[in-house]
Amino acid sequence: MRRVLIGLFWALSATASAAGLNLVEVTRSPAVGGYLVDATVQAERQSVVSAQVAGRVLDLKVKAGDKVSAGQLIARLDERELGAAQASSQAAIYEAQANLAKAALDLKRAQALAKQNFVSQASVDQAQAQHRALAARVEALRAGEGAARAARSHAVITAPYPGVVMSTQVEVGDMA
């Protein structure tokens, strides 16, 4: 396409000079004048960022107009209650693990006594059931501790992606 345009221009300029016409070289120059238009600028992505847990705002790191990067700290909530819940969950796990260890010893004793016909098979079955129940309790408590840890992590609010803060609806000291 470029060769055709150059060839066409050359043919036109040769014809124009043969006809005695003045040739003017076309150059790039800034535009003169302009016009006003009404327009709206709209964000490509827009999110309302809020806390996933309730708590008092201890620290607010941004204000309207601030640029943020992905993962940047926006606000921090009071996490003392969430931390206490996590510590309580951890203590319950330790207690359940101790009970599980005792149940394992009881099961081992019951099995040894059953081999010597000193206890019935029902006693062994009961010890096995107790051991299994306590093992399941430990797993359930571990899951609860994981949920408490996740809730505690929600006390830190970060930017989901880079952008500009449009507004903040809270101040330090407010409940979020």
C-alpha atoms as a PDB file:
ATOM      1  CA  MET A   1       0.000   0.000   0.000  1.00  0.00           C
ATOM      2  CA  ARG A   2       2.850   2.349   0.852  1.00  0.00           C
ATOM      3  CA  ARG A   3       4.512   1.911  -2.591  1.00  0.00           C
ATOM      4  CA  VAL A   4       1.235   2.613  -4.343  1.00  0.00           C
ATOM      5  CA  LEU A   5       0.723   5.852  -2.395  1.00  0.00           C
ATOM      6  CA  ILE A   6       4.299   6.998  -3.069  1.00  0.00           C
ATOM      7  CA  GLY A   7       3.922   6.158  -6.764  1.00  0.00           C
ATOM      8  CA  LEU A   8       0.598   7.985  -6.920  1.00  0.00           C
ATOM      9  CA  PHE A   9       2.102  11.057  -5.226  1.00  0.00           C
ATOM     10  CA  TRP A  10       5.046  11.042  -7.659  1.00  0.00           C
ATOM     11  CA  ALA A  11       2.671  10.778 -10.628  1.00  0.00           C
ATOM     12  CA  LEU A  12       0.542  13.671  -9.308  1.00  0.00           C
ATOM     13  CA  SER A  13       3.556  15.892  -8.621  1.00  0.00           C
ATOM     14  CA  ALA A  14       4.988  15.288 -12.081  1.00  0.00           C
ATOM     15  CA  THR A  15       1.618  16.179 -13.636  1.00  0.00           C
ATOM     16  CA  ALA A  16       1.261  19.270 -11.455  1.00  0.00           C
ATOM     17  CA  SER A  17       4.699  20.636 -12.357  1.00  0.00           C
ATOM     18  CA  ALA A  18       4.066  19.967 -16.043  1.00  0.00           C
ATOM     19  CA  ALA A  19       0.818  21.953 -15.805  1.00  0.00           C
ATOM     20  CA  GLY A  20       2.651  24.881 -14.168  1.00  0.00           C
ATOM     21  CA  LEU A  21       0.963  24.534 -10.771  1.00  0.00           C
ATOM     22  CA  ASN A  22       2.695  25.566  -7.568  1.00  0.00           C
ATOM     23  CA  LEU A  23       3.608  22.668  -5.312  1.00  0.00           C
ATOM     24  CA  VAL A  24       3.453  22.981  -1.542  1.00  0.00           C
ATOM     25  CA  GLU A  25       5.180  20.570   0.811  1.00  0.00           C
ATOM     26  CA  VAL A  26       2.869  19.196   3.488  1.00  0.00           C
ATOM     27  CA  THR A  27       4.384  19.164   6.985  1.00  0.00           C
ATOM     28  CA  ARG A  28       3.156  18.270  10.408  1.00  0.00           C
ATOM     29  CA  SER A  29       2.259  21.243  12.630  1.00  0.00           C
ATOM     30  CA  PRO A  30       0.259  21.792  15.835  1.00  0.00           C
ATOM     31  CA  ALA A  31      -3.489  22.166  15.439  1.00  0.00           C
ATOM     32  CA  VAL A  32      -4.851  25.670  15.654  1.00  0.00           C
ATOM     33  CA  GLY A  33      -7.999  26.082  17.742  1.00  0.00           C
ATOM     34  CA  GLY A  34     -10.026  23.390  19.418  1.00  0.00           C
ATOM     35  CA  TYR A  35     -13.429  22.649  20.839  1.00  0.00           C
ATOM     36  CA  LEU A  36     -14.991  21.761  24.171  1.00  0.00           C
ATOM     37  CA  VAL A  37     -16.954  18.608  24.813  1.00  0.00           C
ATOM     38  CA  ASP A  38     -18.907  17.323  27.776  1.00  0.00           C
ATOM     39  CA  ALA A  39     -17.564  13.975  28.912  1.00  0.00           C
ATOM     40  CA  THR A  40     -17.530  11.631  31.878  1.00  0.00           C
ATOM     41  CA  VAL A  41     -14.450   9.774  33.067  1.00  0.00           C
ATOM     42  CA  GLN A  42     -15.354   6.413  34.537  1.00  0.00           C
ATOM     43  CA  ALA A  43     -13.143   3.918  36.353  1.00  0.00           C
ATOM     44  CA  GLU A  44     -12.323   0.720  34.515  1.00  0.00           C
ATOM     45  CA  ARG A  45     -12.706  -1.243  37.767  1.00  0.00           C
ATOM     46  CA  GLN A  46     -14.411  -0.012  40.898  1.00  0.00           C
ATOM     47  CA  SER A  47     -14.745  -1.786  44.229  1.00  0.00           C
ATOM     48  CA  VAL A  48     -16.146  -0.994  47.620  1.00  0.00           C
ATOM     49  CA  VAL A  49     -13.537  -2.300  50.041  1.00  0.00           C
ATOM     50  CA  SER A  50     -14.879  -3.107  53.492  1.00  0.00           C
ATOM     51  CA  ALA A  51     -14.029  -5.135  56.570  1.00  0.00           C
ATOM     52  CA  GLN A  52     -15.054  -8.794  56.686  1.00  0.00           C
ATOM     53  CA  VAL A  53     -15.098  -8.694  60.496  1.00  0.00           C
ATOM     54  CA  ALA A  54     -16.383  -6.143  62.976  1.00  0.00           C
ATOM     55  CA  GLY A  55     -13.898  -4.042  64.871  1.00  0.00           C
ATOM     56  CA  ARG A  56     -12.804  -0.519  65.755  1.00  0.00           C
ATOM     57  CA  VAL A  57     -10.637   1.221  63.145  1.00  0.00           C
ATOM     58  CA  LEU A  58      -7.202   1.688  64.719  1.00  0.00           C
ATOM     59  CA  ASP A  59      -5.337   2.974  61.688  1.00  0.00           C
ATOM     60  CA  LEU A  60      -6.432   4.450  58.360  1.00  0.00           C
ATOM     61  CA  LYS A  61      -3.548   4.683  55.898  1.00  0.00           C
ATOM     62  CA  VAL A  62      -5.279   6.322  52.895  1.00  0.00           C
ATOM     63  CA  LYS A  63      -7.500   9.261  52.042  1.00  0.00           C
ATOM     64  CA  ALA A  64      -9.478  10.263  48.959  1.00  0.00           C
ATOM     65  CA  GLY A  65      -7.201  10.836  45.972  1.00  0.00           C
ATOM     66  CA  ASP A  66      -4.350   8.598  47.185  1.00  0.00           C
ATOM     67  CA  LYS A  67      -2.871   6.113  44.730  1.00  0.00           C
ATOM     68  CA  VAL A  68      -2.621   2.566  46.068  1.00  0.00           C
ATOM     69  CA  SER A  69      -0.895  -0.550  44.805  1.00  0.00           C
ATOM     70  CA  ALA A  70      -2.259  -4.087  44.997  1.00  0.00           C
ATOM     71  CA  GLY A  71      -1.925  -5.458  48.525  1.00  0.00           C
ATOM     72  CA  GLN A  72      -1.159  -2.066  50.070  1.00  0.00           C
ATOM     73  CA  LEU A  73      -2.448  -1.587  53.622  1.00  0.00           C
ATOM     74  CA  ILE A  74      -5.606   0.540  53.660  1.00  0.00           C
ATOM     75  CA  ALA A  75      -6.767   0.149  57.269  1.00  0.00           C
ATOM     76  CA  ARG A  76      -6.174  -1.895  60.389  1.00  0.00           C
ATOM     77  CA  LEU A  77      -8.906  -2.944  62.826  1.00  0.00           C
ATOM     78  CA  ASP A  78      -8.609  -3.825  66.514  1.00  0.00           C
ATOM     79  CA  GLU A  79      -7.934  -7.556  66.523  1.00  0.00           C
ATOM     80  CA  ARG A  80      -7.704  -8.206  70.274  1.00  0.00           C
ATOM     81  CA  GLU A  81     -10.990 -10.138  70.470  1.00  0.00           C
ATOM     82  CA  LEU A  82     -10.091 -12.109  67.360  1.00  0.00           C
ATOM     83  CA  GLY A  83      -6.674 -12.889  68.819  1.00  0.00           C
ATOM     84  CA  ALA A  84      -8.272 -14.074  72.057  1.00  0.00           C
ATOM     85  CA  ALA A  85     -10.606 -16.355  70.100  1.00  0.00           C
ATOM     86  CA  GLN A  86      -7.627 -17.807  68.256  1.00  0.00           C
ATOM     87  CA  ALA A  87      -5.711 -18.343  71.524  1.00  0.00           C
ATOM     88  CA  SER A  88      -8.784 -20.029  73.051  1.00  0.00           C
ATOM     89  CA  SER A  89      -9.016 -22.343  70.050  1.00  0.00           C
ATOM     90  CA  GLN A  90      -5.332 -23.218  70.368  1.00  0.00           C
ATOM     91  CA  ALA A  91      -5.745 -24.006  74.093  1.00  0.00           C
ATOM     92  CA  ALA A  92      -8.717 -26.263  73.329  1.00  0.00           C
ATOM     93  CA  ILE A  93      -6.562 -28.118  70.779  1.00  0.00           C
ATOM     94  CA  TYR A  94      -3.836 -28.702  73.404  1.00  0.00           C
ATOM     95  CA  GLU A  95      -6.429 -30.032  75.849  1.00  0.00           C
ATOM     96  CA  ALA A  96      -7.932 -32.355  73.240  1.00  0.00           C
ATOM     97  CA  GLN A  97      -4.476 -33.586  72.224  1.00  0.00           C
ATOM     98  CA  ALA A  98      -3.708 -34.457  75.870  1.00  0.00           C
ATOM     99  CA  ASN A  99      -6.996 -36.357  76.134  1.00  0.00           C
ATOM    100  CA  LEU A 100      -6.210 -38.118  72.849  1.00  0.00           C
ATOM    101  CA  ALA A 101      -2.784 -39.193  74.154  1.00  0.00           C
ATOM    102  CA  LYS A 102      -4.430 -40.614  77.306  1.00  0.00           C
ATOM    103  CA  ALA A 103      -7.027 -42.421  75.177  1.00  0.00           C
ATOM    104  CA  ALA A 104      -4.227 -43.933  73.075  1.00  0.00           C
ATOM    105  CA  LEU A 105      -2.561 -45.279  76.244  1.00  0.00           C
ATOM    106  CA  ASP A 106      -5.907 -46.601  77.530  1.00  0.00           C
ATOM    107  CA  LEU A 107      -6.509 -48.352  74.192  1.00  0.00           C
ATOM    108  CA  LYS A 108      -3.053 -49.919  74.268  1.00  0.00           C
ATOM    109  CA  ARG A 109      -3.630 -51.169  77.841  1.00  0.00           C
ATOM    110  CA  ALA A 110      -7.062 -52.530  76.970  1.00  0.00           C
ATOM    111  CA  GLN A 111      -5.653 -54.404  73.960  1.00  0.00           C
ATOM    112  CA  ALA A 112      -2.846 -55.891  76.070  1.00  0.00           C
ATOM    113  CA  LEU A 113      -5.282 -56.966  78.784  1.00  0.00           C
ATOM    114  CA  ALA A 114      -7.663 -58.431  76.178  1.00  0.00           C
ATOM    115  CA  LYS A 115      -4.850 -60.645  74.836  1.00  0.00           C
ATOM    116  CA  GLN A 116      -4.498 -62.083  78.332  1.00  0.00           C
ATOM    117  CA  ASN A 117      -8.292 -62.419  78.669  1.00  0.00           C
ATOM    118  CA  PHE A 118      -8.409 -60.002  81.632  1.00  0.00           C
ATOM    119  CA  VAL A 119     -10.936 -57.663  79.956  1.00  0.00           C
ATOM    120  CA  SER A 120     -13.723 -58.219  77.487  1.00  0.00           C
ATOM    121  CA  GLN A 121     -13.694 -57.274  73.816  1.00  0.00           C
ATOM    122  CA  ALA A 122     -16.383 -54.712  74.671  1.00  0.00           C
ATOM    123  CA  SER A 123     -13.832 -52.832  76.820  1.00  0.00           C
ATOM    124  CA  VAL A 124     -11.406 -52.755  73.887  1.00  0.00           C
ATOM    125  CA  ASP A 125     -14.152 -51.584  71.546  1.00  0.00           C
ATOM    126  CA  GLN A 126     -15.085 -48.836  73.977  1.00  0.00           C
ATOM    127  CA  ALA A 127     -11.441 -47.685  74.220  1.00  0.00           C
ATOM    128  CA  GLN A 128     -11.164 -47.679  70.413  1.00  0.00           C
ATOM    129  CA  ALA A 129     -14.366 -45.620  70.091  1.00  0.00           C
ATOM    130  CA  GLN A 130     -13.108 -43.142  72.697  1.00  0.00           C
ATOM    131  CA  HIS A 131      -9.784 -42.820  70.853  1.00  0.00           C
ATOM    132  CA  ARG A 132     -11.508 -42.218  67.503  1.00  0.00           C
ATOM    133  CA  ALA A 133     -13.896 -39.664  69.013  1.00  0.00           C
ATOM    134  CA  LEU A 134     -11.034 -37.707  70.568  1.00  0.00           C
ATOM    135  CA  ALA A 135      -9.039 -37.822  67.315  1.00  0.00           C
ATOM    136  CA  ALA A 136     -12.069 -36.389  65.494  1.00  0.00           C
ATOM    137  CA  ARG A 137     -12.408 -33.697  68.182  1.00  0.00           C
ATOM    138  CA  VAL A 138      -8.778 -32.650  67.687  1.00  0.00           C
ATOM    139  CA  GLU A 139      -9.372 -32.299  63.937  1.00  0.00           C
ATOM    140  CA  ALA A 140     -12.560 -30.290  64.504  1.00  0.00           C
ATOM    141  CA  LEU A 141     -10.754 -27.965  66.899  1.00  0.00           C
ATOM    142  CA  ARG A 142      -7.926 -27.512  64.405  1.00  0.00           C
ATOM    143  CA  ALA A 143     -10.465 -26.457  61.777  1.00  0.00           C
ATOM    144  CA  GLY A 144     -11.987 -24.004  64.266  1.00  0.00           C
ATOM    145  CA  GLU A 145      -8.551 -22.577  65.017  1.00  0.00           C
ATOM    146  CA  GLY A 146      -7.976 -22.133  61.287  1.00  0.00           C
ATOM    147  CA  ALA A 147     -11.241 -20.218  61.024  1.00  0.00           C
ATOM    148  CA  ALA A 148     -10.231 -18.040  63.992  1.00  0.00           C
ATOM    149  CA  ARG A 149      -6.840 -17.373  62.356  1.00  0.00           C
ATOM    150  CA  ALA A 150      -8.555 -16.424  59.096  1.00  0.00           C
ATOM    151  CA  ALA A 151     -10.951 -14.080  60.916  1.00  0.00           C
ATOM    152  CA  ARG A 152      -7.996 -12.429  62.639  1.00  0.00           C
ATOM    153  CA  SER A 153      -6.290 -11.877  59.289  1.00  0.00           C
ATOM    154  CA  HIS A 154      -9.400  -9.996  58.093  1.00  0.00           C
ATOM    155  CA  ALA A 155      -8.594  -7.233  60.586  1.00  0.00           C
ATOM    156  CA  VAL A 156      -6.012  -6.013  58.067  1.00  0.00           C
ATOM    157  CA  ILE A 157      -7.689  -4.414  55.032  1.00  0.00           C
ATOM    158  CA  THR A 158      -5.620  -4.172  51.853  1.00  0.00           C
ATOM    159  CA  ALA A 159      -6.174  -2.871  48.318  1.00  0.00           C
ATOM    160  CA  PRO A 160      -7.392  -5.630  45.972  1.00  0.00           C
ATOM    161  CA  TYR A 161      -5.677  -4.050  42.936  1.00  0.00           C
ATOM    162  CA  PRO A 162      -3.813  -0.839  42.027  1.00  0.00           C
ATOM    163  CA  GLY A 163      -5.923   2.281  41.736  1.00  0.00           C
ATOM    164  CA  VAL A 164      -6.983   5.582  43.246  1.00  0.00           C
ATOM    165  CA  VAL A 165      -9.032   5.922  46.433  1.00  0.00           C
ATOM    166  CA  MET A 166     -12.283   7.709  45.581  1.00  0.00           C
ATOM    167  CA  SER A 167     -13.516   8.178  49.159  1.00  0.00           C
ATOM    168  CA  THR A 168     -13.232   6.824  52.670  1.00  0.00           C
ATOM    169  CA  GLN A 169     -16.380   6.243  54.707  1.00  0.00           C
ATOM    170  CA  VAL A 170     -14.686   5.719  58.091  1.00  0.00           C
ATOM    171  CA  GLU A 171     -12.331   7.526  60.409  1.00  0.00           C
ATOM    172  CA  VAL A 172      -9.962   6.262  63.085  1.00  0.00           C
ATOM    173  CA  GLY A 173     -12.074   5.216  66.078  1.00  0.00           C
ATOM    174  CA  ASP A 174     -15.187   4.281  64.056  1.00  0.00           C
ATOM    175  CA  MET A 175     -16.633   0.778  64.172  1.00  0.00           C
ATOM    176  CA  ALA A 176     -16.221  -1.042  60.870  1.00  0.00           C
END
